[in-house]
Structures are given as structure tokens and as C-alpha cells.
Amino acid sequence: MGFFDDVVGKLGGKQGQAGGLDSLSKMLSENGGLQGLMAKLASNGQAQQVKSWVSTGENKPVSGPEVQQALDTDSLNQMAQEAGTTPEKVSEDVAQILPQMVDKATPQGQVPAQGDDPLSKGMSAIKDMFAKM
């Protein structure tokens, strides 16, 4: 889980990976889980990126400013405060991990039903997704 651990550790600041997972889980929940996250990014001009994450092909990147424009500002600000960094830095970190998270949450290019969405089930479900790499 190297890449995932690195990014989540950054998001957790002094609290480390556990704090990063908690912050990430809260941010995903506040943005509507997988369905809400995809909708917000798509409506903000990142539909092609989101589509690439769900498909079985290569994942297109998204930038920190694009994440900041699309997602809930309060949740990003809270993550930054908890990590002891700026919302811009948190947005960059989230932008690094989002393509892989959505890709892992949509196996075989299929978006799970809302009740089966691992991004809305909390940090253990998110961690389990990456443990199966």
C-alpha cells in the first residue's frame, strides 16, 4: 500500500495514517460518497477524468485546483487544519489519490450500488480496498 500510505499519512499530518484515513473518510462522506464525488467532479468539468477512473483503462489525472473547485470547501479546510497544512496542499494530495480510490471502488468498470459504495462505508472499507492491491 506504499503510495496510499504515503498520501494518507500526509493528509493526517501529525496524526499520521489513522488521522489521514479519518479525515479522508469524513471528506468523502461530506461529498456524498462515490456517487456524490463523481457527480461533483463531473459537473465541474472533470467528467472525462472521472470516466477514466471508472473504466478499466488508464486513469487520467486531476489537479489540486480542480479538486478544490469541485469538492466541499469546508471539508478540505478541515482536513488542512487537522494536517497542519494549507487547503491547497491537501487538494493536491487528494488529487493524487482520487483516481486510484475511484478506480478501486469501481471494479471491472462498474459503479457499485449506493449501499455497496466502499467510499461511504468509512475508513476501514477504504483501507480494505487498498489492502487488496
N, C-alpha and C. Protein backbone atom coordinates (compact mmCIF):
# COMPACT_ATOMS: atom_id res chain seq x y z
N MET A 1 0.83 -1.20 0.00
CA MET A 1 0.00 0.00 0.00
C MET A 1 0.86 1.25 0.00
N GLY A 2 2.08 1.23 -0.40
CA GLY A 2 3.02 2.33 -0.28
C GLY A 2 2.50 3.71 -0.65
N PHE A 3 2.04 3.88 -1.89
CA PHE A 3 1.55 5.18 -2.35
C PHE A 3 0.38 5.64 -1.50
N PHE A 4 -0.56 4.75 -1.27
CA PHE A 4 -1.74 5.08 -0.46
C PHE A 4 -1.32 5.51 0.93
N ASP A 5 -0.43 4.73 1.57
CA ASP A 5 0.04 5.06 2.91
C ASP A 5 0.73 6.42 2.95
N ASP A 6 1.54 6.70 1.93
CA ASP A 6 2.25 7.98 1.87
C ASP A 6 1.28 9.16 1.81
N VAL A 7 0.32 9.08 0.90
CA VAL A 7 -0.63 10.19 0.74
C VAL A 7 -1.52 10.33 1.96
N VAL A 8 -2.02 9.22 2.47
CA VAL A 8 -2.89 9.27 3.65
C VAL A 8 -2.11 9.78 4.85
N GLY A 9 -0.85 9.39 4.97
CA GLY A 9 -0.01 9.91 6.05
C GLY A 9 0.14 11.42 5.97
N LYS A 10 0.30 11.95 4.76
CA LYS A 10 0.39 13.40 4.58
C LYS A 10 -0.91 14.08 5.01
N LEU A 11 -2.03 13.47 4.64
CA LEU A 11 -3.33 14.05 4.98
C LEU A 11 -3.58 14.04 6.49
N GLY A 12 -2.93 13.13 7.18
CA GLY A 12 -3.11 13.03 8.62
C GLY A 12 -2.20 13.93 9.42
N GLY A 13 -1.19 14.52 8.76
CA GLY A 13 -0.26 15.40 9.46
C GLY A 13 0.39 14.68 10.63
N LYS A 14 0.38 15.30 11.78
CA LYS A 14 1.00 14.72 12.98
C LYS A 14 0.26 13.48 13.47
N GLN A 15 -0.99 13.32 13.06
CA GLN A 15 -1.77 12.15 13.47
C GLN A 15 -1.45 10.94 12.60
N GLY A 16 -0.71 11.13 11.52
CA GLY A 16 -0.30 10.03 10.67
C GLY A 16 -1.42 9.40 9.88
N GLN A 17 -1.22 8.13 9.52
CA GLN A 17 -2.16 7.44 8.65
C GLN A 17 -3.57 7.36 9.23
N ALA A 18 -3.69 7.05 10.51
CA ALA A 18 -5.03 6.94 11.11
C ALA A 18 -5.78 8.26 11.00
N GLY A 19 -5.10 9.37 11.26
CA GLY A 19 -5.73 10.68 11.13
C GLY A 19 -6.08 11.01 9.69
N GLY A 20 -5.20 10.60 8.78
CA GLY A 20 -5.45 10.83 7.36
C GLY A 20 -6.63 10.04 6.85
N LEU A 21 -6.74 8.78 7.28
CA LEU A 21 -7.89 7.95 6.89
C LEU A 21 -9.18 8.53 7.43
N ASP A 22 -9.15 8.98 8.67
CA ASP A 22 -10.33 9.57 9.28
C ASP A 22 -10.75 10.83 8.53
N SER A 23 -9.78 11.70 8.25
CA SER A 23 -10.08 12.94 7.51
C SER A 23 -10.60 12.65 6.11
N LEU A 24 -9.97 11.70 5.44
CA LEU A 24 -10.38 11.32 4.09
C LEU A 24 -11.79 10.73 4.10
N SER A 25 -12.07 9.89 5.07
CA SER A 25 -13.39 9.28 5.19
C SER A 25 -14.46 10.35 5.41
N LYS A 26 -14.18 11.31 6.29
CA LYS A 26 -15.13 12.41 6.55
C LYS A 26 -15.35 13.23 5.30
N MET A 27 -14.26 13.55 4.58
CA MET A 27 -14.37 14.37 3.37
C MET A 27 -15.21 13.65 2.33
N LEU A 28 -15.00 12.34 2.16
CA LEU A 28 -15.76 11.58 1.18
C LEU A 28 -17.23 11.54 1.57
N SER A 29 -17.51 11.33 2.84
CA SER A 29 -18.88 11.30 3.32
C SER A 29 -19.57 12.64 3.11
N GLU A 30 -18.87 13.73 3.42
CA GLU A 30 -19.44 15.07 3.28
C GLU A 30 -19.68 15.45 1.81
N ASN A 31 -19.04 14.73 0.91
CA ASN A 31 -19.21 15.00 -0.51
C ASN A 31 -20.08 13.94 -1.20
N GLY A 32 -20.80 13.14 -0.41
CA GLY A 32 -21.78 12.21 -0.96
C GLY A 32 -21.24 10.86 -1.36
N GLY A 33 -20.10 10.45 -0.81
CA GLY A 33 -19.54 9.15 -1.16
C GLY A 33 -19.14 9.10 -2.62
N LEU A 34 -19.08 7.92 -3.18
CA LEU A 34 -18.64 7.74 -4.57
C LEU A 34 -19.55 8.45 -5.54
N GLN A 35 -20.86 8.28 -5.39
CA GLN A 35 -21.82 8.90 -6.32
C GLN A 35 -21.70 10.42 -6.29
N GLY A 36 -21.68 11.00 -5.08
CA GLY A 36 -21.60 12.45 -4.95
C GLY A 36 -20.27 12.99 -5.45
N LEU A 37 -19.20 12.30 -5.12
CA LEU A 37 -17.87 12.70 -5.55
C LEU A 37 -17.78 12.74 -7.07
N MET A 38 -18.25 11.67 -7.71
CA MET A 38 -18.22 11.61 -9.17
C MET A 38 -19.08 12.70 -9.79
N ALA A 39 -20.25 12.93 -9.24
CA ALA A 39 -21.15 13.95 -9.76
C ALA A 39 -20.55 15.35 -9.63
N LYS A 40 -19.95 15.64 -8.47
CA LYS A 40 -19.37 16.96 -8.25
C LYS A 40 -18.20 17.22 -9.20
N LEU A 41 -17.35 16.22 -9.35
CA LEU A 41 -16.21 16.39 -10.26
C LEU A 41 -16.68 16.50 -11.70
N ALA A 42 -17.63 15.66 -12.11
CA ALA A 42 -18.14 15.70 -13.48
C ALA A 42 -18.79 17.04 -13.79
N SER A 43 -19.57 17.57 -12.85
CA SER A 43 -20.24 18.85 -13.10
C SER A 43 -19.27 20.02 -13.06
N ASN A 44 -18.07 19.78 -12.59
CA ASN A 44 -17.05 20.83 -12.53
C ASN A 44 -16.06 20.73 -13.71
N GLY A 45 -16.40 19.92 -14.70
CA GLY A 45 -15.56 19.83 -15.89
C GLY A 45 -14.58 18.67 -15.90
N GLN A 46 -14.66 17.77 -14.94
CA GLN A 46 -13.75 16.63 -14.89
C GLN A 46 -14.44 15.32 -15.27
N ALA A 47 -15.47 15.39 -16.10
CA ALA A 47 -16.22 14.19 -16.49
C ALA A 47 -15.31 13.16 -17.17
N GLN A 48 -14.41 13.61 -18.04
CA GLN A 48 -13.52 12.67 -18.74
C GLN A 48 -12.57 11.97 -17.77
N GLN A 49 -12.07 12.73 -16.79
CA GLN A 49 -11.20 12.12 -15.79
C GLN A 49 -11.96 11.06 -15.00
N VAL A 50 -13.14 11.42 -14.51
CA VAL A 50 -13.94 10.51 -13.71
C VAL A 50 -14.27 9.26 -14.52
N LYS A 51 -14.64 9.45 -15.77
CA LYS A 51 -14.96 8.31 -16.63
C LYS A 51 -13.76 7.38 -16.76
N SER A 52 -12.56 7.95 -16.87
CA SER A 52 -11.35 7.13 -16.99
C SER A 52 -11.08 6.34 -15.71
N TRP A 53 -11.43 6.88 -14.56
CA TRP A 53 -11.20 6.20 -13.29
C TRP A 53 -12.12 5.00 -13.14
N VAL A 54 -13.35 5.14 -13.64
CA VAL A 54 -14.33 4.07 -13.55
C VAL A 54 -14.04 2.98 -14.58
N SER A 55 -13.58 3.38 -15.75
CA SER A 55 -13.30 2.39 -16.80
C SER A 55 -12.09 1.54 -16.42
N THR A 56 -11.84 0.53 -17.22
CA THR A 56 -10.73 -0.37 -16.93
C THR A 56 -9.42 0.08 -17.57
N GLY A 57 -9.42 1.22 -18.24
CA GLY A 57 -8.21 1.74 -18.87
C GLY A 57 -7.39 2.60 -17.93
N GLU A 58 -6.50 3.40 -18.53
CA GLU A 58 -5.62 4.28 -17.75
C GLU A 58 -6.40 5.40 -17.07
N ASN A 59 -5.99 5.75 -15.86
CA ASN A 59 -6.63 6.82 -15.09
C ASN A 59 -6.04 8.17 -15.47
N LYS A 60 -6.90 9.10 -15.89
CA LYS A 60 -6.45 10.46 -16.19
C LYS A 60 -6.32 11.24 -14.89
N PRO A 61 -5.32 12.11 -14.81
CA PRO A 61 -5.12 12.87 -13.57
C PRO A 61 -6.11 14.02 -13.42
N VAL A 62 -6.23 14.47 -12.19
CA VAL A 62 -6.99 15.66 -11.85
C VAL A 62 -6.04 16.53 -11.02
N SER A 63 -6.21 17.83 -11.08
CA SER A 63 -5.30 18.72 -10.36
C SER A 63 -5.88 19.15 -9.01
N GLY A 64 -5.00 19.64 -8.16
CA GLY A 64 -5.43 20.17 -6.87
C GLY A 64 -6.46 21.28 -7.00
N PRO A 65 -6.22 22.27 -7.88
CA PRO A 65 -7.22 23.33 -8.04
C PRO A 65 -8.58 22.79 -8.53
N GLU A 66 -8.56 21.76 -9.37
CA GLU A 66 -9.83 21.17 -9.83
C GLU A 66 -10.56 20.50 -8.67
N VAL A 67 -9.82 19.83 -7.81
CA VAL A 67 -10.41 19.22 -6.62
C VAL A 67 -10.99 20.30 -5.73
N GLN A 68 -10.24 21.36 -5.53
CA GLN A 68 -10.68 22.45 -4.66
C GLN A 68 -11.96 23.10 -5.18
N GLN A 69 -12.08 23.25 -6.49
CA GLN A 69 -13.27 23.86 -7.08
C GLN A 69 -14.49 22.95 -6.97
N ALA A 70 -14.27 21.64 -7.06
CA ALA A 70 -15.39 20.70 -7.14
C ALA A 70 -15.91 20.24 -5.78
N LEU A 71 -15.02 20.05 -4.82
CA LEU A 71 -15.42 19.44 -3.56
C LEU A 71 -15.74 20.47 -2.49
N ASP A 72 -16.37 19.99 -1.44
CA ASP A 72 -16.79 20.84 -0.33
C ASP A 72 -15.61 21.56 0.30
N THR A 73 -15.62 22.88 0.25
CA THR A 73 -14.51 23.68 0.77
C THR A 73 -14.31 23.48 2.26
N ASP A 74 -15.41 23.39 3.01
CA ASP A 74 -15.29 23.21 4.46
C ASP A 74 -14.56 21.92 4.81
N SER A 75 -14.86 20.83 4.11
CA SER A 75 -14.20 19.56 4.42
C SER A 75 -12.72 19.61 4.05
N LEU A 76 -12.38 20.27 2.95
CA LEU A 76 -10.96 20.41 2.60
C LEU A 76 -10.23 21.31 3.60
N ASN A 77 -10.89 22.38 4.03
CA ASN A 77 -10.28 23.26 5.04
C ASN A 77 -10.06 22.53 6.36
N GLN A 78 -11.04 21.69 6.74
CA GLN A 78 -10.91 20.91 7.97
C GLN A 78 -9.74 19.93 7.87
N MET A 79 -9.63 19.27 6.72
CA MET A 79 -8.51 18.34 6.51
C MET A 79 -7.18 19.07 6.62
N ALA A 80 -7.12 20.26 6.04
CA ALA A 80 -5.88 21.05 6.08
C ALA A 80 -5.53 21.44 7.51
N GLN A 81 -6.53 21.87 8.26
CA GLN A 81 -6.31 22.26 9.64
C GLN A 81 -5.80 21.07 10.46
N GLU A 82 -6.43 19.90 10.28
CA GLU A 82 -6.02 18.70 11.01
C GLU A 82 -4.63 18.23 10.62
N ALA A 83 -4.25 18.45 9.36
CA ALA A 83 -2.94 18.02 8.88
C ALA A 83 -1.86 19.08 9.13
N GLY A 84 -2.28 20.26 9.56
CA GLY A 84 -1.32 21.34 9.80
C GLY A 84 -0.72 21.88 8.51
N THR A 85 -1.54 21.97 7.47
CA THR A 85 -1.07 22.44 6.18
C THR A 85 -2.14 23.33 5.55
N THR A 86 -1.98 23.63 4.28
CA THR A 86 -2.91 24.52 3.58
C THR A 86 -3.96 23.72 2.82
N PRO A 87 -5.11 24.34 2.55
CA PRO A 87 -6.12 23.67 1.72
C PRO A 87 -5.57 23.34 0.32
N GLU A 88 -4.69 24.17 -0.18
CA GLU A 88 -4.09 23.92 -1.49
C GLU A 88 -3.27 22.63 -1.49
N LYS A 89 -2.48 22.43 -0.43
CA LYS A 89 -1.66 21.22 -0.32
C LYS A 89 -2.54 19.99 -0.15
N VAL A 90 -3.57 20.10 0.67
CA VAL A 90 -4.49 18.98 0.86
C VAL A 90 -5.18 18.64 -0.46
N SER A 91 -5.58 19.66 -1.21
CA SER A 91 -6.23 19.43 -2.50
C SER A 91 -5.30 18.70 -3.46
N GLU A 92 -4.02 19.05 -3.44
CA GLU A 92 -3.03 18.35 -4.28
C GLU A 92 -2.91 16.89 -3.85
N ASP A 93 -2.86 16.65 -2.55
CA ASP A 93 -2.75 15.28 -2.05
C ASP A 93 -3.99 14.47 -2.40
N VAL A 94 -5.16 15.07 -2.23
CA VAL A 94 -6.41 14.39 -2.57
C VAL A 94 -6.44 14.11 -4.08
N ALA A 95 -5.98 15.05 -4.89
CA ALA A 95 -5.94 14.86 -6.33
C ALA A 95 -5.05 13.68 -6.72
N GLN A 96 -4.01 13.44 -5.96
CA GLN A 96 -3.11 12.30 -6.23
C GLN A 96 -3.80 10.97 -5.97
N ILE A 97 -4.62 10.93 -4.95
CA ILE A 97 -5.19 9.64 -4.52
C ILE A 97 -6.58 9.37 -5.12
N LEU A 98 -7.32 10.39 -5.53
CA LEU A 98 -8.68 10.18 -6.04
C LEU A 98 -8.75 9.21 -7.22
N PRO A 99 -7.90 9.35 -8.23
CA PRO A 99 -8.02 8.41 -9.35
C PRO A 99 -7.92 6.95 -8.91
N GLN A 100 -6.99 6.65 -8.02
CA GLN A 100 -6.84 5.27 -7.56
C GLN A 100 -8.01 4.84 -6.68
N MET A 101 -8.51 5.76 -5.86
CA MET A 101 -9.63 5.41 -4.98
C MET A 101 -10.87 5.07 -5.79
N VAL A 102 -11.20 5.91 -6.76
CA VAL A 102 -12.39 5.66 -7.58
C VAL A 102 -12.18 4.39 -8.40
N ASP A 103 -10.97 4.22 -8.93
CA ASP A 103 -10.66 3.02 -9.71
C ASP A 103 -10.87 1.76 -8.87
N LYS A 104 -10.38 1.76 -7.63
CA LYS A 104 -10.52 0.61 -6.74
C LYS A 104 -11.97 0.39 -6.33
N ALA A 105 -12.74 1.48 -6.23
CA ALA A 105 -14.13 1.37 -5.80
C ALA A 105 -15.07 0.95 -6.93
N THR A 106 -14.54 0.91 -8.16
CA THR A 106 -15.36 0.56 -9.32
C THR A 106 -14.74 -0.62 -10.08
N PRO A 107 -14.68 -1.78 -9.45
CA PRO A 107 -14.06 -2.93 -10.11
C PRO A 107 -14.77 -3.30 -11.41
N GLN A 108 -13.99 -3.75 -12.35
CA GLN A 108 -14.50 -4.12 -13.68
C GLN A 108 -15.26 -2.98 -14.37
N GLY A 109 -14.97 -1.74 -13.99
CA GLY A 109 -15.59 -0.60 -14.64
C GLY A 109 -17.05 -0.39 -14.29
N GLN A 110 -17.49 -0.94 -13.16
CA GLN A 110 -18.88 -0.82 -12.74
C GLN A 110 -18.98 -0.01 -11.45
N VAL A 111 -19.85 0.99 -11.45
CA VAL A 111 -20.09 1.76 -10.24
C VAL A 111 -21.00 0.93 -9.34
N PRO A 112 -20.58 0.69 -8.07
CA PRO A 112 -21.42 -0.11 -7.18
C PRO A 112 -22.69 0.62 -6.80
N ALA A 113 -23.69 -0.15 -6.44
CA ALA A 113 -24.93 0.44 -5.94
C ALA A 113 -24.60 1.29 -4.72
N GLN A 114 -25.41 2.30 -4.46
CA GLN A 114 -25.12 3.23 -3.38
C GLN A 114 -24.88 2.53 -2.05
N GLY A 115 -25.60 1.50 -1.73
CA GLY A 115 -25.43 0.78 -0.48
C GLY A 115 -24.13 -0.02 -0.42
N ASP A 116 -23.52 -0.30 -1.57
CA ASP A 116 -22.28 -1.06 -1.64
C ASP A 116 -21.06 -0.17 -1.86
N ASP A 117 -21.23 1.12 -1.80
CA ASP A 117 -20.17 2.09 -2.06
C ASP A 117 -19.12 2.05 -0.94
N PRO A 118 -17.91 1.57 -1.22
CA PRO A 118 -16.90 1.50 -0.15
C PRO A 118 -16.44 2.88 0.32
N LEU A 119 -16.60 3.91 -0.50
CA LEU A 119 -16.16 5.25 -0.11
C LEU A 119 -17.10 5.89 0.90
N SER A 120 -18.29 5.33 1.06
CA SER A 120 -19.22 5.89 2.05
C SER A 120 -19.33 5.00 3.29
N LYS A 121 -18.53 3.93 3.34
CA LYS A 121 -18.62 2.98 4.46
C LYS A 121 -17.57 3.22 5.54
N GLY A 122 -16.80 4.27 5.43
CA GLY A 122 -15.83 4.58 6.47
C GLY A 122 -14.42 4.13 6.14
N MET A 123 -13.53 4.45 7.09
CA MET A 123 -12.11 4.26 6.82
C MET A 123 -11.70 2.81 6.71
N SER A 124 -12.33 1.90 7.40
CA SER A 124 -11.91 0.50 7.29
C SER A 124 -12.20 -0.03 5.89
N ALA A 125 -13.32 0.36 5.29
CA ALA A 125 -13.65 -0.08 3.92
C ALA A 125 -12.66 0.51 2.93
N ILE A 126 -12.27 1.77 3.14
CA ILE A 126 -11.30 2.41 2.24
C ILE A 126 -9.94 1.72 2.36
N LYS A 127 -9.52 1.45 3.57
CA LYS A 127 -8.24 0.78 3.78
C LYS A 127 -8.28 -0.63 3.19
N ASP A 128 -9.38 -1.34 3.36
CA ASP A 128 -9.51 -2.68 2.81
C ASP A 128 -9.41 -2.68 1.29
N MET A 129 -9.95 -1.64 0.65
CA MET A 129 -9.86 -1.52 -0.80
C MET A 129 -8.42 -1.55 -1.25
N PHE A 130 -7.56 -0.81 -0.55
CA PHE A 130 -6.16 -0.70 -0.95
C PHE A 130 -5.33 -1.88 -0.46
N ALA A 131 -5.80 -2.60 0.54
CA ALA A 131 -5.08 -3.78 1.02
C ALA A 131 -5.13 -4.90 0.00
N LYS A 132 -6.12 -4.85 -0.88
CA LYS A 132 -6.31 -5.90 -1.88
C LYS A 132 -5.54 -5.63 -3.17
N MET A 133 -4.59 -4.74 -3.13
CA MET A 133 -3.81 -4.40 -4.32
C MET A 133 -2.84 -5.50 -4.66
